[in-house]
Amino acid sequence: MSHTTPLIRQYEIIAGITGNMLDQARAEQWDAVMELGNQYHIAVEALRRFTPLSTEDRESRRALLRKILDNDANIRRLAMPEIDRLGLLIGAMKRQQTVLQAYAPQQPL
């Protein structure tokens, strides 16, 4: 039975969070993705307090990093259509606001 170091356990936690983020992105639950993103940021920042890896832990870290990066790439791929849609909505709102300002009656001073 292998002993998991605290640092590897932290990477496992991060991989789990990104897995949950990917599940929520697939379900188009963007608020949940954002909340999990906050947890992800906190978990990554926590890595700073750990000591460097031993030689035997490097392979475990490599596999976990690969999983984390794959999850991140898939989340980004799933989020892009939503980001594009929101960009179009913001652009339309800005154009509408410009038109309303141009044609709105002027308020007396």
PDB file of N, CA and C in Angstrom:
ATOM      1  N   MET A   1       0.849  -1.176   0.000  1.00  0.00           N
ATOM      2  CA  MET A   1       0.000   0.000   0.000  1.00  0.00           C
ATOM      3  C   MET A   1       0.897   1.242   0.000  1.00  0.00           C
ATOM      4  N   SER A   2       0.675   2.147  -0.903  1.00  0.00           N
ATOM      5  CA  SER A   2       1.518   3.331  -1.003  1.00  0.00           C
ATOM      6  C   SER A   2       0.991   4.442  -0.101  1.00  0.00           C
ATOM      7  N   HIS A   3       1.945   5.246   0.361  1.00  0.00           N
ATOM      8  CA  HIS A   3       1.613   6.380   1.221  1.00  0.00           C
ATOM      9  C   HIS A   3       1.532   7.627   0.352  1.00  0.00           C
ATOM     10  N   THR A   4       0.418   8.333   0.405  1.00  0.00           N
ATOM     11  CA  THR A   4       0.245   9.563  -0.363  1.00  0.00           C
ATOM     12  C   THR A   4       0.715  10.732   0.489  1.00  0.00           C
ATOM     13  N   THR A   5       1.639  11.509  -0.066  1.00  0.00           N
ATOM     14  CA  THR A   5       2.149  12.669   0.662  1.00  0.00           C
ATOM     15  C   THR A   5       1.109  13.784   0.649  1.00  0.00           C
ATOM     16  N   PRO A   6       1.209  14.719   1.590  1.00  0.00           N
ATOM     17  CA  PRO A   6       0.264  15.845   1.607  1.00  0.00           C
ATOM     18  C   PRO A   6       0.271  16.647   0.301  1.00  0.00           C
ATOM     19  N   LEU A   7       1.432  16.808  -0.316  1.00  0.00           N
ATOM     20  CA  LEU A   7       1.497  17.560  -1.569  1.00  0.00           C
ATOM     21  C   LEU A   7       0.755  16.836  -2.686  1.00  0.00           C
ATOM     22  N   ILE A   8       0.967  15.527  -2.798  1.00  0.00           N
ATOM     23  CA  ILE A   8       0.240  14.754  -3.818  1.00  0.00           C
ATOM     24  C   ILE A   8      -1.247  14.783  -3.512  1.00  0.00           C
ATOM     25  N   ARG A   9      -1.614  14.710  -2.247  1.00  0.00           N
ATOM     26  CA  ARG A   9      -3.037  14.791  -1.869  1.00  0.00           C
ATOM     27  C   ARG A   9      -3.624  16.126  -2.314  1.00  0.00           C
ATOM     28  N   GLN A  10      -2.862  17.214  -2.199  1.00  0.00           N
ATOM     29  CA  GLN A  10      -3.355  18.520  -2.645  1.00  0.00           C
ATOM     30  C   GLN A  10      -3.579  18.517  -4.159  1.00  0.00           C
ATOM     31  N   TYR A  11      -2.655  17.905  -4.907  1.00  0.00           N
ATOM     32  CA  TYR A  11      -2.852  17.788  -6.357  1.00  0.00           C
ATOM     33  C   TYR A  11      -4.089  16.948  -6.676  1.00  0.00           C
ATOM     34  N   GLU A  12      -4.339  15.902  -5.885  1.00  0.00           N
ATOM     35  CA  GLU A  12      -5.546  15.091  -6.080  1.00  0.00           C
ATOM     36  C   GLU A  12      -6.802  15.923  -5.833  1.00  0.00           C
ATOM     37  N   ILE A  13      -6.762  16.773  -4.822  1.00  0.00           N
ATOM     38  CA  ILE A  13      -7.895  17.662  -4.539  1.00  0.00           C
ATOM     39  C   ILE A  13      -8.136  18.593  -5.727  1.00  0.00           C
ATOM     40  N   ILE A  14      -7.063  19.170  -6.256  1.00  0.00           N
ATOM     41  CA  ILE A  14      -7.181  20.077  -7.403  1.00  0.00           C
ATOM     42  C   ILE A  14      -7.735  19.334  -8.613  1.00  0.00           C
ATOM     43  N   ALA A  15      -7.249  18.119  -8.846  1.00  0.00           N
ATOM     44  CA  ALA A  15      -7.768  17.323  -9.965  1.00  0.00           C
ATOM     45  C   ALA A  15      -9.257  17.039  -9.777  1.00  0.00           C
ATOM     46  N   GLY A  16      -9.666  16.766  -8.545  1.00  0.00           N
ATOM     47  CA  GLY A  16     -11.088  16.539  -8.269  1.00  0.00           C
ATOM     48  C   GLY A  16     -11.929  17.779  -8.528  1.00  0.00           C
ATOM     49  N   ILE A  17     -11.413  18.931  -8.123  1.00  0.00           N
ATOM     50  CA  ILE A  17     -12.140  20.181  -8.359  1.00  0.00           C
ATOM     51  C   ILE A  17     -12.293  20.426  -9.852  1.00  0.00           C
ATOM     52  N   THR A  18     -11.211  20.237 -10.620  1.00  0.00           N
ATOM     53  CA  THR A  18     -11.320  20.473 -12.064  1.00  0.00           C
ATOM     54  C   THR A  18     -12.241  19.452 -12.719  1.00  0.00           C
ATOM     55  N   GLY A  19     -12.275  18.232 -12.191  1.00  0.00           N
ATOM     56  CA  GLY A  19     -13.226  17.242 -12.699  1.00  0.00           C
ATOM     57  C   GLY A  19     -14.662  17.680 -12.462  1.00  0.00           C
ATOM     58  N   ASN A  20     -14.930  18.208 -11.268  1.00  0.00           N
ATOM     59  CA  ASN A  20     -16.269  18.733 -10.963  1.00  0.00           C
ATOM     60  C   ASN A  20     -16.601  19.936 -11.838  1.00  0.00           C
ATOM     61  N   MET A  21     -15.602  20.800 -12.060  1.00  0.00           N
ATOM     62  CA  MET A  21     -15.821  21.956 -12.938  1.00  0.00           C
ATOM     63  C   MET A  21     -16.200  21.493 -14.342  1.00  0.00           C
ATOM     64  N   LEU A  22     -15.511  20.472 -14.836  1.00  0.00           N
ATOM     65  CA  LEU A  22     -15.803  19.946 -16.167  1.00  0.00           C
ATOM     66  C   LEU A  22     -17.219  19.378 -16.219  1.00  0.00           C
ATOM     67  N   ASP A  23     -17.617  18.632 -15.187  1.00  0.00           N
ATOM     68  CA  ASP A  23     -18.987  18.102 -15.138  1.00  0.00           C
ATOM     69  C   ASP A  23     -20.012  19.234 -15.182  1.00  0.00           C
ATOM     70  N   GLN A  24     -19.781  20.290 -14.411  1.00  0.00           N
ATOM     71  CA  GLN A  24     -20.709  21.422 -14.385  1.00  0.00           C
ATOM     72  C   GLN A  24     -20.704  22.178 -15.712  1.00  0.00           C
ATOM     73  N   ALA A  25     -19.550  22.285 -16.343  1.00  0.00           N
ATOM     74  CA  ALA A  25     -19.483  22.942 -17.657  1.00  0.00           C
ATOM     75  C   ALA A  25     -20.258  22.138 -18.693  1.00  0.00           C
ATOM     76  N   ARG A  26     -20.141  20.832 -18.637  1.00  0.00           N
ATOM     77  CA  ARG A  26     -20.905  19.979 -19.568  1.00  0.00           C
ATOM     78  C   ARG A  26     -22.404  20.160 -19.363  1.00  0.00           C
ATOM     79  N   ALA A  27     -22.810  20.413 -18.121  1.00  0.00           N
ATOM     80  CA  ALA A  27     -24.227  20.631 -17.803  1.00  0.00           C
ATOM     81  C   ALA A  27     -24.634  22.094 -17.982  1.00  0.00           C
ATOM     82  N   GLU A  28     -23.692  22.927 -18.432  1.00  0.00           N
ATOM     83  CA  GLU A  28     -23.919  24.358 -18.641  1.00  0.00           C
ATOM     84  C   GLU A  28     -24.371  25.056 -17.358  1.00  0.00           C
ATOM     85  N   GLN A  29     -23.824  24.630 -16.256  1.00  0.00           N
ATOM     86  CA  GLN A  29     -24.092  25.232 -14.948  1.00  0.00           C
ATOM     87  C   GLN A  29     -22.951  26.201 -14.631  1.00  0.00           C
ATOM     88  N   TRP A  30     -22.979  27.358 -15.284  1.00  0.00           N
ATOM     89  CA  TRP A  30     -21.843  28.281 -15.250  1.00  0.00           C
ATOM     90  C   TRP A  30     -21.636  28.918 -13.884  1.00  0.00           C
ATOM     91  N   ASP A  31     -22.694  29.131 -13.120  1.00  0.00           N
ATOM     92  CA  ASP A  31     -22.524  29.661 -11.761  1.00  0.00           C
ATOM     93  C   ASP A  31     -21.745  28.671 -10.896  1.00  0.00           C
ATOM     94  N   ALA A  32     -22.065  27.388 -11.043  1.00  0.00           N
ATOM     95  CA  ALA A  32     -21.345  26.355 -10.289  1.00  0.00           C
ATOM     96  C   ALA A  32     -19.889  26.277 -10.743  1.00  0.00           C
ATOM     97  N   VAL A  33     -19.653  26.433 -12.034  1.00  0.00           N
ATOM     98  CA  VAL A  33     -18.276  26.438 -12.548  1.00  0.00           C
ATOM     99  C   VAL A  33     -17.492  27.580 -11.907  1.00  0.00           C
ATOM    100  N   MET A  34     -18.118  28.748 -11.815  1.00  0.00           N
ATOM    101  CA  MET A  34     -17.437  29.899 -11.219  1.00  0.00           C
ATOM    102  C   MET A  34     -17.138  29.660  -9.736  1.00  0.00           C
ATOM    103  N   GLU A  35     -18.079  29.094  -9.015  1.00  0.00           N
ATOM    104  CA  GLU A  35     -17.858  28.802  -7.593  1.00  0.00           C
ATOM    105  C   GLU A  35     -16.725  27.787  -7.425  1.00  0.00           C
ATOM    106  N   LEU A  36     -16.743  26.750  -8.243  1.00  0.00           N
ATOM    107  CA  LEU A  36     -15.661  25.768  -8.191  1.00  0.00           C
ATOM    108  C   LEU A  36     -14.334  26.399  -8.607  1.00  0.00           C
ATOM    109  N   GLY A  37     -14.395  27.370  -9.508  1.00  0.00           N
ATOM    110  CA  GLY A  37     -13.185  28.088  -9.910  1.00  0.00           C
ATOM    111  C   GLY A  37     -12.556  28.810  -8.732  1.00  0.00           C
ATOM    112  N   ASN A  38     -13.380  29.353  -7.852  1.00  0.00           N
ATOM    113  CA  ASN A  38     -12.863  29.984  -6.630  1.00  0.00           C
ATOM    114  C   ASN A  38     -12.178  28.951  -5.733  1.00  0.00           C
ATOM    115  N   GLN A  39     -12.796  27.779  -5.596  1.00  0.00           N
ATOM    116  CA  GLN A  39     -12.189  26.703  -4.807  1.00  0.00           C
ATOM    117  C   GLN A  39     -10.868  26.258  -5.431  1.00  0.00           C
ATOM    118  N   TYR A  40     -10.846  26.180  -6.759  1.00  0.00           N
ATOM    119  CA  TYR A  40      -9.633  25.800  -7.489  1.00  0.00           C
ATOM    120  C   TYR A  40      -8.507  26.788  -7.188  1.00  0.00           C
ATOM    121  N   HIS A  41      -8.813  28.063  -7.261  1.00  0.00           N
ATOM    122  CA  HIS A  41      -7.804  29.096  -7.008  1.00  0.00           C
ATOM    123  C   HIS A  41      -7.231  28.958  -5.595  1.00  0.00           C
ATOM    124  N   ILE A  42      -8.083  28.755  -4.618  1.00  0.00           N
ATOM    125  CA  ILE A  42      -7.640  28.590  -3.231  1.00  0.00           C
ATOM    126  C   ILE A  42      -6.762  27.346  -3.094  1.00  0.00           C
ATOM    127  N   ALA A  43      -7.179  26.250  -3.730  1.00  0.00           N
ATOM    128  CA  ALA A  43      -6.412  25.000  -3.648  1.00  0.00           C
ATOM    129  C   ALA A  43      -5.042  25.135  -4.308  1.00  0.00           C
ATOM    130  N   VAL A  44      -4.979  25.841  -5.432  1.00  0.00           N
ATOM    131  CA  VAL A  44      -3.694  26.046  -6.108  1.00  0.00           C
ATOM    132  C   VAL A  44      -2.789  26.934  -5.254  1.00  0.00           C
ATOM    133  N   GLU A  45      -3.346  27.979  -4.678  1.00  0.00           N
ATOM    134  CA  GLU A  45      -2.546  28.854  -3.811  1.00  0.00           C
ATOM    135  C   GLU A  45      -1.990  28.081  -2.615  1.00  0.00           C
ATOM    136  N   ALA A  46      -2.724  27.092  -2.136  1.00  0.00           N
ATOM    137  CA  ALA A  46      -2.267  26.295  -0.993  1.00  0.00           C
ATOM    138  C   ALA A  46      -1.023  25.474  -1.326  1.00  0.00           C
ATOM    139  N   LEU A  47      -0.761  25.226  -2.603  1.00  0.00           N
ATOM    140  CA  LEU A  47       0.432  24.471  -2.995  1.00  0.00           C
ATOM    141  C   LEU A  47       1.717  25.161  -2.542  1.00  0.00           C
ATOM    142  N   ARG A  48       1.683  26.457  -2.396  1.00  0.00           N
ATOM    143  CA  ARG A  48       2.883  27.222  -2.029  1.00  0.00           C
ATOM    144  C   ARG A  48       3.444  26.834  -0.661  1.00  0.00           C
ATOM    145  N   ARG A  49       2.621  26.319   0.214  1.00  0.00           N
ATOM    146  CA  ARG A  49       3.084  26.022   1.575  1.00  0.00           C
ATOM    147  C   ARG A  49       3.756  24.648   1.694  1.00  0.00           C
ATOM    148  N   PHE A  50       3.749  23.867   0.624  1.00  0.00           N
ATOM    149  CA  PHE A  50       4.321  22.524   0.679  1.00  0.00           C
ATOM    150  C   PHE A  50       5.794  22.522   0.285  1.00  0.00           C
ATOM    151  N   THR A  51       6.508  21.548   0.816  1.00  0.00           N
ATOM    152  CA  THR A  51       7.911  21.372   0.448  1.00  0.00           C
ATOM    153  C   THR A  51       7.994  20.681  -0.911  1.00  0.00           C
ATOM    154  N   PRO A  52       9.134  20.790  -1.591  1.00  0.00           N
ATOM    155  CA  PRO A  52       9.273  20.168  -2.914  1.00  0.00           C
ATOM    156  C   PRO A  52       9.049  18.654  -2.862  1.00  0.00           C
ATOM    157  N   LEU A  53       8.725  18.106  -4.016  1.00  0.00           N
ATOM    158  CA  LEU A  53       8.430  16.679  -4.131  1.00  0.00           C
ATOM    159  C   LEU A  53       9.679  15.821  -4.047  1.00  0.00           C
ATOM    160  N   SER A  54       9.488  14.639  -3.525  1.00  0.00           N
ATOM    161  CA  SER A  54      10.539  13.637  -3.586  1.00  0.00           C
ATOM    162  C   SER A  54      10.542  13.046  -4.994  1.00  0.00           C
ATOM    163  N   THR A  55      11.589  12.334  -5.318  1.00  0.00           N
ATOM    164  CA  THR A  55      11.714  11.735  -6.648  1.00  0.00           C
ATOM    165  C   THR A  55      10.551  10.794  -6.948  1.00  0.00           C
ATOM    166  N   GLU A  56      10.163   9.987  -5.977  1.00  0.00           N
ATOM    167  CA  GLU A  56       9.094   9.007  -6.229  1.00  0.00           C
ATOM    168  C   GLU A  56       7.723   9.656  -6.410  1.00  0.00           C
ATOM    169  N   ASP A  57       7.532  10.863  -5.877  1.00  0.00           N
ATOM    170  CA  ASP A  57       6.247  11.550  -6.036  1.00  0.00           C
ATOM    171  C   ASP A  57       6.126  12.297  -7.367  1.00  0.00           C
ATOM    172  N   ARG A  58       7.210  12.496  -8.054  1.00  0.00           N
ATOM    173  CA  ARG A  58       7.160  13.283  -9.297  1.00  0.00           C
ATOM    174  C   ARG A  58       6.284  12.635 -10.363  1.00  0.00           C
ATOM    175  N   GLU A  59       6.333  11.318 -10.470  1.00  0.00           N
ATOM    176  CA  GLU A  59       5.506  10.629 -11.472  1.00  0.00           C
ATOM    177  C   GLU A  59       4.024  10.774 -11.135  1.00  0.00           C
ATOM    178  N   SER A  60       3.682  10.680  -9.859  1.00  0.00           N
ATOM    179  CA  SER A  60       2.288  10.879  -9.446  1.00  0.00           C
ATOM    180  C   SER A  60       1.837  12.291  -9.785  1.00  0.00           C
ATOM    181  N   ARG A  61       2.701  13.257  -9.505  1.00  0.00           N
ATOM    182  CA  ARG A  61       2.359  14.652  -9.811  1.00  0.00           C
ATOM    183  C   ARG A  61       2.184  14.842 -11.311  1.00  0.00           C
ATOM    184  N   ARG A  62       3.042  14.240 -12.101  1.00  0.00           N
ATOM    185  CA  ARG A  62       2.965  14.380 -13.556  1.00  0.00           C
ATOM    186  C   ARG A  62       1.612  13.889 -14.072  1.00  0.00           C
ATOM    187  N   ALA A  63       1.162  12.741 -13.597  1.00  0.00           N
ATOM    188  CA  ALA A  63      -0.133  12.197 -14.033  1.00  0.00           C
ATOM    189  C   ALA A  63      -1.280  13.109 -13.596  1.00  0.00           C
ATOM    190  N   LEU A  64      -1.204  13.627 -12.376  1.00  0.00           N
ATOM    191  CA  LEU A  64      -2.258  14.523 -11.890  1.00  0.00           C
ATOM    192  C   LEU A  64      -2.266  15.838 -12.659  1.00  0.00           C
ATOM    193  N   LEU A  65      -1.085  16.376 -12.950  1.00  0.00           N
ATOM    194  CA  LEU A  65      -1.020  17.614 -13.735  1.00  0.00           C
ATOM    195  C   LEU A  65      -1.600  17.412 -15.129  1.00  0.00           C
ATOM    196  N   ARG A  66      -1.324  16.264 -15.722  1.00  0.00           N
ATOM    197  CA  ARG A  66      -1.887  15.963 -17.040  1.00  0.00           C
ATOM    198  C   ARG A  66      -3.415  15.968 -16.977  1.00  0.00           C
ATOM    199  N   LYS A  67      -3.966  15.343 -15.935  1.00  0.00           N
ATOM    200  CA  LYS A  67      -5.425  15.307 -15.769  1.00  0.00           C
ATOM    201  C   LYS A  67      -5.977  16.715 -15.551  1.00  0.00           C
ATOM    202  N   ILE A  68      -5.321  17.507 -14.699  1.00  0.00           N
ATOM    203  CA  ILE A  68      -5.768  18.877 -14.423  1.00  0.00           C
ATOM    204  C   ILE A  68      -5.759  19.705 -15.702  1.00  0.00           C
ATOM    205  N   LEU A  69      -4.691  19.602 -16.482  1.00  0.00           N
ATOM    206  CA  LEU A  69      -4.591  20.379 -17.725  1.00  0.00           C
ATOM    207  C   LEU A  69      -5.602  19.916 -18.770  1.00  0.00           C
ATOM    208  N   ASP A  70      -5.850  18.603 -18.847  1.00  0.00           N
ATOM    209  CA  ASP A  70      -6.881  18.104 -19.769  1.00  0.00           C
ATOM    210  C   ASP A  70      -8.257  18.630 -19.370  1.00  0.00           C
ATOM    211  N   ASN A  71      -8.557  18.600 -18.072  1.00  0.00           N
ATOM    212  CA  ASN A  71      -9.837  19.139 -17.599  1.00  0.00           C
ATOM    213  C   ASN A  71      -9.954  20.619 -17.943  1.00  0.00           C
ATOM    214  N   ASP A  72      -8.884  21.370 -17.710  1.00  0.00           N
ATOM    215  CA  ASP A  72      -8.885  22.802 -18.000  1.00  0.00           C
ATOM    216  C   ASP A  72      -9.148  23.065 -19.481  1.00  0.00           C
ATOM    217  N   ALA A  73      -8.485  22.319 -20.350  1.00  0.00           N
ATOM    218  CA  ALA A  73      -8.685  22.508 -21.791  1.00  0.00           C
ATOM    219  C   ALA A  73     -10.125  22.209 -22.189  1.00  0.00           C
ATOM    220  N   ASN A  74     -10.704  21.162 -21.632  1.00  0.00           N
ATOM    221  CA  ASN A  74     -12.093  20.820 -21.953  1.00  0.00           C
ATOM    222  C   ASN A  74     -13.075  21.842 -21.397  1.00  0.00           C
ATOM    223  N   ILE A  75     -12.809  22.361 -20.206  1.00  0.00           N
ATOM    224  CA  ILE A  75     -13.674  23.403 -19.638  1.00  0.00           C
ATOM    225  C   ILE A  75     -13.648  24.633 -20.529  1.00  0.00           C
ATOM    226  N   ARG A  76     -12.465  25.038 -20.953  1.00  0.00           N
ATOM    227  CA  ARG A  76     -12.340  26.209 -21.834  1.00  0.00           C
ATOM    228  C   ARG A  76     -13.078  25.989 -23.154  1.00  0.00           C
ATOM    229  N   ARG A  77     -12.949  24.790 -23.705  1.00  0.00           N
ATOM    230  CA  ARG A  77     -13.636  24.475 -24.963  1.00  0.00           C
ATOM    231  C   ARG A  77     -15.155  24.578 -24.788  1.00  0.00           C
ATOM    232  N   LEU A  78     -15.655  24.086 -23.671  1.00  0.00           N
ATOM    233  CA  LEU A  78     -17.097  24.141 -23.414  1.00  0.00           C
ATOM    234  C   LEU A  78     -17.571  25.554 -23.089  1.00  0.00           C
ATOM    235  N   ALA A  79     -16.716  26.351 -22.467  1.00  0.00           N
ATOM    236  CA  ALA A  79     -17.107  27.706 -22.063  1.00  0.00           C
ATOM    237  C   ALA A  79     -17.087  28.696 -23.219  1.00  0.00           C
ATOM    238  N   MET A  80     -16.301  28.463 -24.246  1.00  0.00           N
ATOM    239  CA  MET A  80     -16.148  29.446 -25.321  1.00  0.00           C
ATOM    240  C   MET A  80     -17.468  29.846 -25.982  1.00  0.00           C
ATOM    241  N   PRO A  81     -18.369  28.919 -26.311  1.00  0.00           N
ATOM    242  CA  PRO A  81     -19.643  29.367 -26.892  1.00  0.00           C
ATOM    243  C   PRO A  81     -20.418  30.298 -25.958  1.00  0.00           C
ATOM    244  N   GLU A  82     -20.383  30.031 -24.666  1.00  0.00           N
ATOM    245  CA  GLU A  82     -21.082  30.889 -23.702  1.00  0.00           C
ATOM    246  C   GLU A  82     -20.407  32.254 -23.616  1.00  0.00           C
ATOM    247  N   ILE A  83     -19.094  32.273 -23.615  1.00  0.00           N
ATOM    248  CA  ILE A  83     -18.355  33.540 -23.587  1.00  0.00           C
ATOM    249  C   ILE A  83     -18.656  34.349 -24.840  1.00  0.00           C
ATOM    250  N   ASP A  84     -18.674  33.686 -25.998  1.00  0.00           N
ATOM    251  CA  ASP A  84     -19.006  34.375 -27.249  1.00  0.00           C
ATOM    252  C   ASP A  84     -20.421  34.943 -27.203  1.00  0.00           C
ATOM    253  N   ARG A  85     -21.369  34.146 -26.686  1.00  0.00           N
ATOM    254  CA  ARG A  85     -22.763  34.598 -26.590  1.00  0.00           C
ATOM    255  C   ARG A  85     -22.866  35.822 -25.681  1.00  0.00           C
ATOM    256  N   LEU A  86     -22.187  35.780 -24.551  1.00  0.00           N
ATOM    257  CA  LEU A  86     -22.215  36.923 -23.636  1.00  0.00           C
ATOM    258  C   LEU A  86     -21.573  38.150 -24.265  1.00  0.00           C
ATOM    259  N   GLY A  87     -20.511  37.957 -25.035  1.00  0.00           N
ATOM    260  CA  GLY A  87     -19.878  39.075 -25.736  1.00  0.00           C
ATOM    261  C   GLY A  87     -20.831  39.726 -26.716  1.00  0.00           C
ATOM    262  N   LEU A  88     -21.596  38.918 -27.442  1.00  0.00           N
ATOM    263  CA  LEU A  88     -22.585  39.461 -28.379  1.00  0.00           C
ATOM    264  C   LEU A  88     -23.676  40.234 -27.640  1.00  0.00           C
ATOM    265  N   LEU A  89     -24.130  39.690 -26.514  1.00  0.00           N
ATOM    266  CA  LEU A  89     -25.159  40.384 -25.729  1.00  0.00           C
ATOM    267  C   LEU A  89     -24.651  41.722 -25.206  1.00  0.00           C
ATOM    268  N   ILE A  90     -23.435  41.744 -24.714  1.00  0.00           N
ATOM    269  CA  ILE A  90     -22.865  43.001 -24.210  1.00  0.00           C
ATOM    270  C   ILE A  90     -22.727  44.007 -25.339  1.00  0.00           C
ATOM    271  N   GLY A  91     -22.277  43.546 -26.509  1.00  0.00           N
ATOM    272  CA  GLY A  91     -22.162  44.439 -27.663  1.00  0.00           C
ATOM    273  C   GLY A  91     -23.504  45.018 -28.062  1.00  0.00           C
ATOM    274  N   ALA A  92     -24.543  44.179 -28.074  1.00  0.00           N
ATOM    275  CA  ALA A  92     -25.882  44.649 -28.430  1.00  0.00           C
ATOM    276  C   ALA A  92     -26.397  45.651 -27.401  1.00  0.00           C
ATOM    277  N   MET A  93     -26.129  45.400 -26.133  1.00  0.00           N
ATOM    278  CA  MET A  93     -26.576  46.326 -25.087  1.00  0.00           C
ATOM    279  C   MET A  93     -25.869  47.674 -25.212  1.00  0.00           C
ATOM    280  N   LYS A  94     -24.590  47.652 -25.531  1.00  0.00           N
ATOM    281  CA  LYS A  94     -23.851  48.911 -25.691  1.00  0.00           C
ATOM    282  C   LYS A  94     -24.379  49.705 -26.884  1.00  0.00           C
ATOM    283  N   ARG A  95     -24.681  49.005 -27.980  1.00  0.00           N
ATOM    284  CA  ARG A  95     -25.242  49.694 -29.154  1.00  0.00           C
ATOM    285  C   ARG A  95     -26.603  50.288 -28.827  1.00  0.00           C
ATOM    286  N   GLN A  96     -27.426  49.531 -28.107  1.00  0.00           N
ATOM    287  CA  GLN A  96     -28.743  50.031 -27.721  1.00  0.00           C
ATOM    288  C   GLN A  96     -28.607  51.245 -26.802  1.00  0.00           C
ATOM    289  N   GLN A  97     -27.686  51.202 -25.882  1.00  0.00           N
ATOM    290  CA  GLN A  97     -27.467  52.325 -24.974  1.00  0.00           C
ATOM    291  C   GLN A  97     -27.014  53.557 -25.751  1.00  0.00           C
ATOM    292  N   THR A  98     -26.154  53.384 -26.736  1.00  0.00           N
ATOM    293  CA  THR A  98     -25.682  54.501 -27.554  1.00  0.00           C
ATOM    294  C   THR A  98     -26.837  55.130 -28.323  1.00  0.00           C
ATOM    295  N   VAL A  99     -27.695  54.286 -28.901  1.00  0.00           N
ATOM    296  CA  VAL A  99     -28.853  54.785 -29.649  1.00  0.00           C
ATOM    297  C   VAL A  99     -29.790  55.538 -28.714  1.00  0.00           C
ATOM    298  N   LEU A 100     -30.064  54.970 -27.547  1.00  0.00           N
ATOM    299  CA  LEU A 100     -30.956  55.635 -26.598  1.00  0.00           C
ATOM    300  C   LEU A 100     -30.397  56.980 -26.153  1.00  0.00           C
ATOM    301  N   GLN A 101     -29.104  57.051 -25.926  1.00  0.00           N
ATOM    302  CA  GLN A 101     -28.493  58.318 -25.527  1.00  0.00           C
ATOM    303  C   GLN A 101     -28.551  59.339 -26.657  1.00  0.00           C
ATOM    304  N   ALA A 102     -28.396  58.878 -27.884  1.00  0.00           N
ATOM    305  CA  ALA A 102     -28.399  59.796 -29.026  1.00  0.00           C
ATOM    306  C   ALA A 102     -29.789  60.375 -29.277  1.00  0.00           C
ATOM    307  N   TYR A 103     -30.830  59.579 -29.068  1.00  0.00           N
ATOM    308  CA  TYR A 103     -32.177  60.018 -29.410  1.00  0.00           C
ATOM    309  C   TYR A 103     -33.044  60.370 -28.205  1.00  0.00           C
ATOM    310  N   ALA A 104     -32.511  60.224 -27.014  1.00  0.00           N
ATOM    311  CA  ALA A 104     -33.288  60.563 -25.819  1.00  0.00           C
ATOM    312  C   ALA A 104     -33.426  62.076 -25.724  1.00  0.00           C
ATOM    313  N   PRO A 105     -34.597  62.539 -25.258  1.00  0.00           N
ATOM    314  CA  PRO A 105     -34.751  63.991 -25.089  1.00  0.00           C
ATOM    315  C   PRO A 105     -33.737  64.501 -24.070  1.00  0.00           C
ATOM    316  N   GLN A 106     -33.191  65.648 -24.346  1.00  0.00           N
ATOM    317  CA  GLN A 106     -32.207  66.259 -23.453  1.00  0.00           C
ATOM    318  C   GLN A 106     -32.914  66.813 -22.223  1.00  0.00           C
ATOM    319  N   GLN A 107     -32.339  66.585 -21.075  1.00  0.00           N
ATOM    320  CA  GLN A 107     -32.891  67.095 -19.822  1.00  0.00           C
ATOM    321  C   GLN A 107     -32.457  68.549 -19.653  1.00  0.00           C
ATOM    322  N   PRO A 108     -33.388  69.438 -19.278  1.00  0.00           N
ATOM    323  CA  PRO A 108     -32.987  70.829 -19.035  1.00  0.00           C
ATOM    324  C   PRO A 108     -32.079  70.905 -17.815  1.00  0.00           C
ATOM    325  N   LEU A 109     -31.138  71.816 -17.863  1.00  0.00           N
ATOM    326  CA  LEU A 109     -30.206  72.003 -16.742  1.00  0.00           C
ATOM    327  C   LEU A 109     -30.801  72.792 -15.660  1.00  0.00           C
TER     328      LEU A 109
END
